Amino acid sequence: MYVANYCDIWGGNPGFGVNFEYRMLMRKPIVALIYDFDGTLSPGNMQEFGFIQAVGKTADEFWQMSDNIAIGQDASNVLSYMKLMFDEARDKGIKLRRSAFKAFGKDIQLFEGVREWFRLVNEYGAAHGVRIEHYINSSGLKEIIEGSPIASEFKHIFAGTFIYNEEGEAQWPGIAVDYTAKTQFLFKISKGIFSARDNKMVNASIAEDKKRIPFSHMIYFGDGETDVPCMKIVSMFGGHSIAVYDPDNEKKHAVARKLHRQGRVGFAVPAVYTKESRAFEVVSAIIDKIKADYILQQLSR
């Protein structure tokens, strides 16, 4: 059996003197980068880049109406905005089909560097012996995200959806994702479950070393306090959470600083995703740590 030394995998001095089984090291660990969407990859709410204009409202008007429904009915904010989208579209004669939602998604604005970010991280991971997967975990709408310019970058998109009738028109919320519901998708990612409907496999007991992606191999990106439950769970189980903020928005910066100060996240960085960005520097270092921890874990067996 071929046995490789440290140099074979990492480069460096072949006299390093530590030998280990090649096949163990060639099993690349998977690192999952999990993103909120609104305020994290995009500077606004996804409904603000086409849908709200199509129904003749301003963003402030739409969200105030949504809040009024939630407050008046003591209802979920997510279900309230989904109902309002449905009602406003119907009143304006707009048929909410999947194709219409995807059309709204194509004009979503993205933070600087987002389009190139995935290639940068994928290449860094490949060069350092890990496999990178990207996921969305959003309270927004899956159909709109699927129409965005970066939709193909994600292994899976966990987000809200509608139920469609036989004519293909939205008629009822199918999945509503609030800040606590988002936590279930972390466990699904860990276990390799990509069905939003599943409620059996996600609750099944699986040994940590049998999970497809351990929590310690997760990096969670979020922009605000609604992401705190996910940030906390990922960090609590050995993963890494990053608060990002719009560099042009001091209120967002203050929220990120507070999350960092309170220990909810390990890092607070501007929502800039270029190769020279703080975000890339932090993620690169985390990838290095995950790979090093993985090798040490294999050597301890």
Protein backbone atom coordinates (compact mmCIF):
# COMPACT_ATOMS: atom_id res chain seq x y z
CA MET A 1 0.00 0.00 0.00
CA TYR A 2 1.32 3.46 -0.93
CA VAL A 3 2.06 5.63 2.07
CA ALA A 4 2.41 9.39 1.68
CA ASN A 5 4.20 11.83 3.90
CA TYR A 6 3.18 15.36 4.78
CA CYS A 7 5.06 16.76 1.78
CA ASP A 8 3.03 14.66 -0.70
CA ILE A 9 -0.18 16.33 0.36
CA TRP A 10 0.84 19.81 1.45
CA GLY A 11 4.21 20.37 -0.20
CA GLY A 12 7.33 21.29 1.75
CA ASN A 13 10.27 19.42 3.14
CA PRO A 14 10.08 15.68 2.31
CA GLY A 15 12.11 15.01 5.44
CA PHE A 16 9.29 16.20 7.66
CA GLY A 17 9.12 12.68 9.02
CA VAL A 18 5.39 12.14 9.53
CA ASN A 19 3.88 9.28 7.49
CA PHE A 20 0.21 8.40 7.23
CA GLU A 21 -2.08 6.48 4.95
CA TYR A 22 -2.62 8.13 1.58
CA ARG A 23 -6.15 6.89 1.21
CA MET A 24 -7.24 8.59 4.44
CA LEU A 25 -5.95 11.95 3.31
CA MET A 26 -7.41 11.62 -0.15
CA ARG A 27 -10.89 11.51 1.36
CA LYS A 28 -11.57 15.19 1.00
CA PRO A 29 -13.69 16.65 3.79
CA ILE A 30 -16.69 18.71 2.66
CA VAL A 31 -16.88 22.30 3.86
CA ALA A 32 -20.35 23.86 3.65
CA LEU A 33 -20.70 27.61 3.23
CA ILE A 34 -24.28 28.50 4.19
CA TYR A 35 -25.68 31.93 3.39
CA ASP A 36 -28.68 33.97 4.31
CA PHE A 37 -29.61 35.95 1.19
CA ASP A 38 -31.21 39.35 1.86
CA GLY A 39 -28.64 41.66 3.43
CA THR A 40 -25.96 38.99 3.16
CA LEU A 41 -25.39 38.46 -0.56
CA SER A 42 -27.74 41.24 -1.68
CA PRO A 43 -28.05 44.75 -0.21
CA GLY A 44 -31.85 44.65 -0.11
CA ASN A 45 -34.85 42.35 0.16
CA MET A 46 -35.36 40.29 -2.99
CA GLN A 47 -38.94 41.52 -3.42
CA GLU A 48 -37.56 45.05 -3.92
CA PHE A 49 -35.89 44.32 -7.26
CA GLY A 50 -38.96 43.93 -9.44
CA PHE A 51 -42.00 42.54 -7.66
CA ILE A 52 -42.82 45.55 -5.47
CA GLN A 53 -42.46 47.90 -8.44
CA ALA A 54 -44.70 45.62 -10.51
CA VAL A 55 -47.54 45.98 -8.01
CA GLY A 56 -47.15 49.75 -7.87
CA LYS A 57 -45.80 50.11 -4.34
CA THR A 58 -42.65 51.51 -2.83
CA ALA A 59 -40.55 49.26 -0.63
CA ASP A 60 -41.55 51.26 2.47
CA GLU A 61 -45.25 50.98 1.59
CA PHE A 62 -45.08 47.25 0.95
CA TRP A 63 -43.23 46.36 4.15
CA GLN A 64 -45.43 48.63 6.25
CA MET A 65 -48.50 46.86 4.86
CA SER A 66 -46.89 43.51 5.60
CA ASP A 67 -46.06 44.57 9.16
CA ASN A 68 -49.63 45.79 9.65
CA ILE A 69 -50.96 42.35 8.72
CA ALA A 70 -48.54 40.62 11.09
CA ILE A 71 -49.26 42.99 13.97
CA GLY A 72 -53.01 43.14 13.41
CA GLN A 73 -53.38 39.38 13.21
CA ASP A 74 -50.51 38.49 15.57
CA ALA A 75 -49.23 36.48 12.63
CA SER A 76 -45.91 35.32 11.22
CA ASN A 77 -44.04 38.10 9.44
CA VAL A 78 -43.06 35.63 6.72
CA LEU A 79 -46.60 34.37 6.11
CA SER A 80 -47.80 37.98 6.17
CA TYR A 81 -45.48 39.10 3.38
CA MET A 82 -46.33 35.98 1.34
CA LYS A 83 -50.06 36.72 1.68
CA LEU A 84 -49.48 40.34 0.73
CA MET A 85 -47.54 39.30 -2.38
CA PHE A 86 -50.40 37.01 -3.37
CA ASP A 87 -53.09 39.64 -2.72
CA GLU A 88 -51.27 42.51 -4.43
CA ALA A 89 -50.46 40.43 -7.50
CA ARG A 90 -54.08 39.28 -7.80
CA ASP A 91 -55.36 42.85 -7.47
CA LYS A 92 -53.01 44.03 -10.23
CA GLY A 93 -53.82 41.10 -12.53
CA ILE A 94 -50.33 39.60 -12.23
CA LYS A 95 -50.22 35.81 -12.42
CA LEU A 96 -47.68 34.51 -9.94
CA ARG A 97 -46.11 31.60 -11.79
CA ARG A 98 -42.66 30.16 -11.13
CA SER A 99 -41.47 31.79 -14.35
CA ALA A 100 -42.69 35.19 -13.09
CA PHE A 101 -40.83 34.82 -9.80
CA LYS A 102 -37.66 33.80 -11.63
CA ALA A 103 -38.01 36.86 -13.87
CA PHE A 104 -38.09 39.06 -10.76
CA GLY A 105 -34.90 37.36 -9.57
CA LYS A 106 -32.77 38.20 -12.59
CA ASP A 107 -32.42 41.87 -11.57
CA ILE A 108 -31.44 41.27 -7.94
CA GLN A 109 -28.52 43.46 -6.92
CA LEU A 110 -25.54 41.71 -5.36
CA PHE A 111 -22.76 42.95 -3.15
CA GLU A 112 -19.33 43.62 -4.63
CA GLY A 113 -17.53 40.44 -5.64
CA VAL A 114 -20.43 38.02 -5.10
CA ARG A 115 -20.45 36.74 -8.69
CA GLU A 116 -16.77 35.78 -8.51
CA TRP A 117 -16.81 34.65 -4.88
CA PHE A 118 -17.88 31.07 -5.45
CA ARG A 119 -15.14 30.36 -7.96
CA LEU A 120 -12.54 31.90 -5.63
CA VAL A 121 -13.59 29.78 -2.66
CA ASN A 122 -13.99 26.62 -4.75
CA GLU A 123 -10.49 27.03 -6.17
CA TYR A 124 -9.00 27.69 -2.75
CA GLY A 125 -10.71 24.63 -1.33
CA ALA A 126 -9.55 22.41 -4.18
CA ALA A 127 -5.97 23.64 -3.77
CA HIS A 128 -6.07 22.84 -0.06
CA GLY A 129 -7.67 19.42 -0.22
CA VAL A 130 -11.27 20.15 0.71
CA ARG A 131 -14.50 20.03 -1.24
CA ILE A 132 -16.60 23.19 -1.07
CA GLU A 133 -20.39 23.27 -1.22
CA HIS A 134 -22.55 26.40 -1.07
CA TYR A 135 -26.09 26.55 0.35
CA ILE A 136 -28.80 29.18 0.77
CA ASN A 137 -30.83 29.30 3.99
CA SER A 138 -33.28 32.17 3.53
CA SER A 139 -36.62 33.52 4.71
CA GLY A 140 -37.09 34.82 1.18
CA LEU A 141 -38.53 32.95 -1.79
CA LYS A 142 -36.79 30.03 -3.43
CA GLU A 143 -38.35 30.79 -6.81
CA ILE A 144 -36.90 34.32 -6.88
CA ILE A 145 -33.45 33.11 -5.81
CA GLU A 146 -33.60 30.47 -8.57
CA GLY A 147 -33.90 33.33 -11.07
CA SER A 148 -30.89 35.20 -9.69
CA PRO A 149 -27.56 35.31 -11.56
CA ILE A 150 -25.89 33.11 -8.91
CA ALA A 151 -28.54 30.37 -8.55
CA SER A 152 -26.39 27.70 -10.19
CA GLU A 153 -23.66 28.13 -7.57
CA PHE A 154 -25.65 26.46 -4.81
CA LYS A 155 -25.83 22.78 -3.93
CA HIS A 156 -29.32 23.46 -2.59
CA ILE A 157 -31.55 26.44 -1.85
CA PHE A 158 -33.59 26.23 1.35
CA ALA A 159 -36.18 29.04 1.31
CA GLY A 160 -39.91 29.77 1.23
CA THR A 161 -42.09 28.50 -1.61
CA PHE A 162 -45.68 28.63 -2.79
CA ILE A 163 -48.05 25.80 -3.70
CA TYR A 164 -49.19 26.02 -7.33
CA ASN A 165 -52.51 24.98 -8.85
CA GLU A 166 -53.03 23.00 -12.05
CA GLU A 167 -52.62 26.15 -14.11
CA GLY A 168 -49.21 26.72 -12.53
CA GLU A 169 -50.31 29.75 -10.50
CA ALA A 170 -49.40 30.32 -6.85
CA GLN A 171 -52.41 29.77 -4.62
CA TRP A 172 -51.08 29.17 -1.10
CA PRO A 173 -47.82 29.26 0.87
CA GLY A 174 -46.07 25.92 0.72
CA ILE A 175 -43.08 26.61 2.97
CA ALA A 176 -42.65 29.64 5.21
CA VAL A 177 -39.16 30.00 6.69
CA ASP A 178 -38.80 32.20 9.76
CA TYR A 179 -35.66 32.63 11.86
CA THR A 180 -36.28 29.53 13.97
CA ALA A 181 -37.41 27.35 11.05
CA LYS A 182 -34.07 28.10 9.39
CA THR A 183 -32.27 26.05 12.03
CA GLN A 184 -33.82 22.78 10.80
CA PHE A 185 -32.04 23.19 7.46
CA LEU A 186 -28.66 23.15 9.18
CA PHE A 187 -29.41 19.63 10.39
CA LYS A 188 -30.60 18.63 6.93
CA ILE A 189 -27.39 19.93 5.37
CA SER A 190 -25.39 18.02 7.97
CA LYS A 191 -27.19 14.77 7.17
CA GLY A 192 -27.38 15.27 3.41
CA ILE A 193 -31.16 15.69 3.27
CA PHE A 194 -32.44 17.96 0.50
CA SER A 195 -36.18 17.56 0.97
CA ALA A 196 -37.91 20.45 2.73
CA ARG A 197 -40.81 18.12 3.50
CA ASP A 198 -38.78 15.47 5.34
CA ASN A 199 -39.38 15.34 9.08
CA LYS A 200 -38.20 11.79 9.78
CA MET A 201 -34.63 11.48 8.55
CA VAL A 202 -33.74 14.90 9.93
CA ASN A 203 -34.72 13.73 13.43
CA ALA A 204 -33.04 10.33 13.15
CA SER A 205 -30.01 9.78 15.37
CA ILE A 206 -26.78 9.64 13.36
CA ALA A 207 -23.30 9.36 14.84
CA GLU A 208 -21.22 12.49 14.32
CA ASP A 209 -18.62 10.69 12.22
CA LYS A 210 -21.37 9.34 9.94
CA LYS A 211 -22.83 12.73 9.08
CA ARG A 212 -22.19 13.97 5.56
CA ILE A 213 -21.07 17.40 6.82
CA PRO A 214 -20.31 17.80 10.54
CA PHE A 215 -21.24 21.15 12.06
CA SER A 216 -17.53 21.76 12.60
CA HIS A 217 -17.22 21.89 8.79
CA MET A 218 -19.86 24.63 8.40
CA ILE A 219 -19.35 28.34 7.81
CA TYR A 220 -22.53 30.39 8.28
CA PHE A 221 -23.01 33.87 6.83
CA GLY A 222 -25.76 36.19 8.06
CA ASP A 223 -26.41 39.90 8.41
CA GLY A 224 -28.72 40.36 11.35
CA GLU A 225 -30.39 39.22 14.52
CA THR A 226 -32.84 36.96 12.66
CA ASP A 227 -29.79 34.82 11.83
CA VAL A 228 -28.77 34.47 15.48
CA PRO A 229 -30.33 31.01 16.08
CA CYS A 230 -28.41 29.57 13.10
CA MET A 231 -25.22 31.41 14.01
CA LYS A 232 -25.44 30.16 17.58
CA ILE A 233 -26.09 26.53 16.65
CA VAL A 234 -23.25 26.41 14.13
CA SER A 235 -20.82 27.99 16.59
CA MET A 236 -22.01 25.87 19.51
CA PHE A 237 -21.24 22.66 17.62
CA GLY A 238 -17.77 23.72 16.52
CA GLY A 239 -18.50 25.52 13.25
CA HIS A 240 -17.86 29.14 12.34
CA SER A 241 -20.33 32.02 12.03
CA ILE A 242 -19.65 35.30 10.23
CA ALA A 243 -21.74 38.47 10.45
CA VAL A 244 -21.54 40.54 7.28
CA TYR A 245 -22.68 44.12 6.89
CA ASP A 246 -23.26 46.61 4.12
CA PRO A 247 -20.15 48.81 4.26
CA ASP A 248 -22.33 51.82 3.38
CA ASN A 249 -24.83 51.23 6.19
CA GLU A 250 -23.69 52.20 9.68
CA LYS A 251 -26.76 50.63 11.31
CA LYS A 252 -25.89 47.27 9.76
CA HIS A 253 -22.29 47.69 10.87
CA ALA A 254 -23.46 48.37 14.42
CA VAL A 255 -25.56 45.17 14.41
CA ALA A 256 -22.60 43.11 13.20
CA ARG A 257 -20.32 44.62 15.85
CA LYS A 258 -22.89 43.83 18.53
CA LEU A 259 -23.20 40.21 17.41
CA HIS A 260 -19.43 39.88 17.53
CA ARG A 261 -19.18 41.58 20.91
CA GLN A 262 -21.87 39.28 22.33
CA GLY A 263 -20.05 36.19 21.08
CA ARG A 264 -22.85 35.25 18.70
CA VAL A 265 -20.37 35.19 15.79
CA GLY A 266 -16.63 34.74 15.50
CA PHE A 267 -16.16 37.43 12.88
CA ALA A 268 -17.81 40.63 11.62
CA VAL A 269 -16.74 41.63 8.11
CA PRO A 270 -17.94 43.96 5.34
CA ALA A 271 -20.18 42.33 2.71
CA VAL A 272 -17.44 42.53 0.11
CA TYR A 273 -16.55 39.25 -1.58
CA THR A 274 -13.46 40.01 -3.65
CA LYS A 275 -10.17 38.13 -3.44
CA GLU A 276 -8.71 41.02 -1.45
CA SER A 277 -11.63 41.15 0.99
CA ARG A 278 -11.63 40.43 4.70
CA ALA A 279 -14.33 37.83 4.05
CA PHE A 280 -12.04 35.82 1.76
CA GLU A 281 -9.15 36.13 4.22
CA VAL A 282 -11.31 34.79 7.05
CA VAL A 283 -12.85 31.96 5.02
CA SER A 284 -9.43 30.88 3.70
CA ALA A 285 -8.11 30.65 7.27
CA ILE A 286 -11.16 28.66 8.38
CA ILE A 287 -10.71 26.22 5.48
CA ASP A 288 -7.07 25.75 6.50
CA LYS A 289 -8.14 25.02 10.08
CA ILE A 290 -10.84 22.56 9.04
CA LYS A 291 -8.37 20.64 6.89
CA ALA A 292 -5.72 20.59 9.64
CA ASP A 293 -8.26 19.42 12.23
CA TYR A 294 -9.44 16.72 9.83
CA ILE A 295 -5.92 15.36 9.38
CA LEU A 296 -5.30 15.34 13.12
CA GLN A 297 -8.58 13.53 13.65
CA GLN A 298 -7.61 10.88 11.11
CA LEU A 299 -4.19 10.45 12.70
CA SER A 300 -5.72 9.94 16.15
CA ARG A 301 -7.69 6.88 15.02
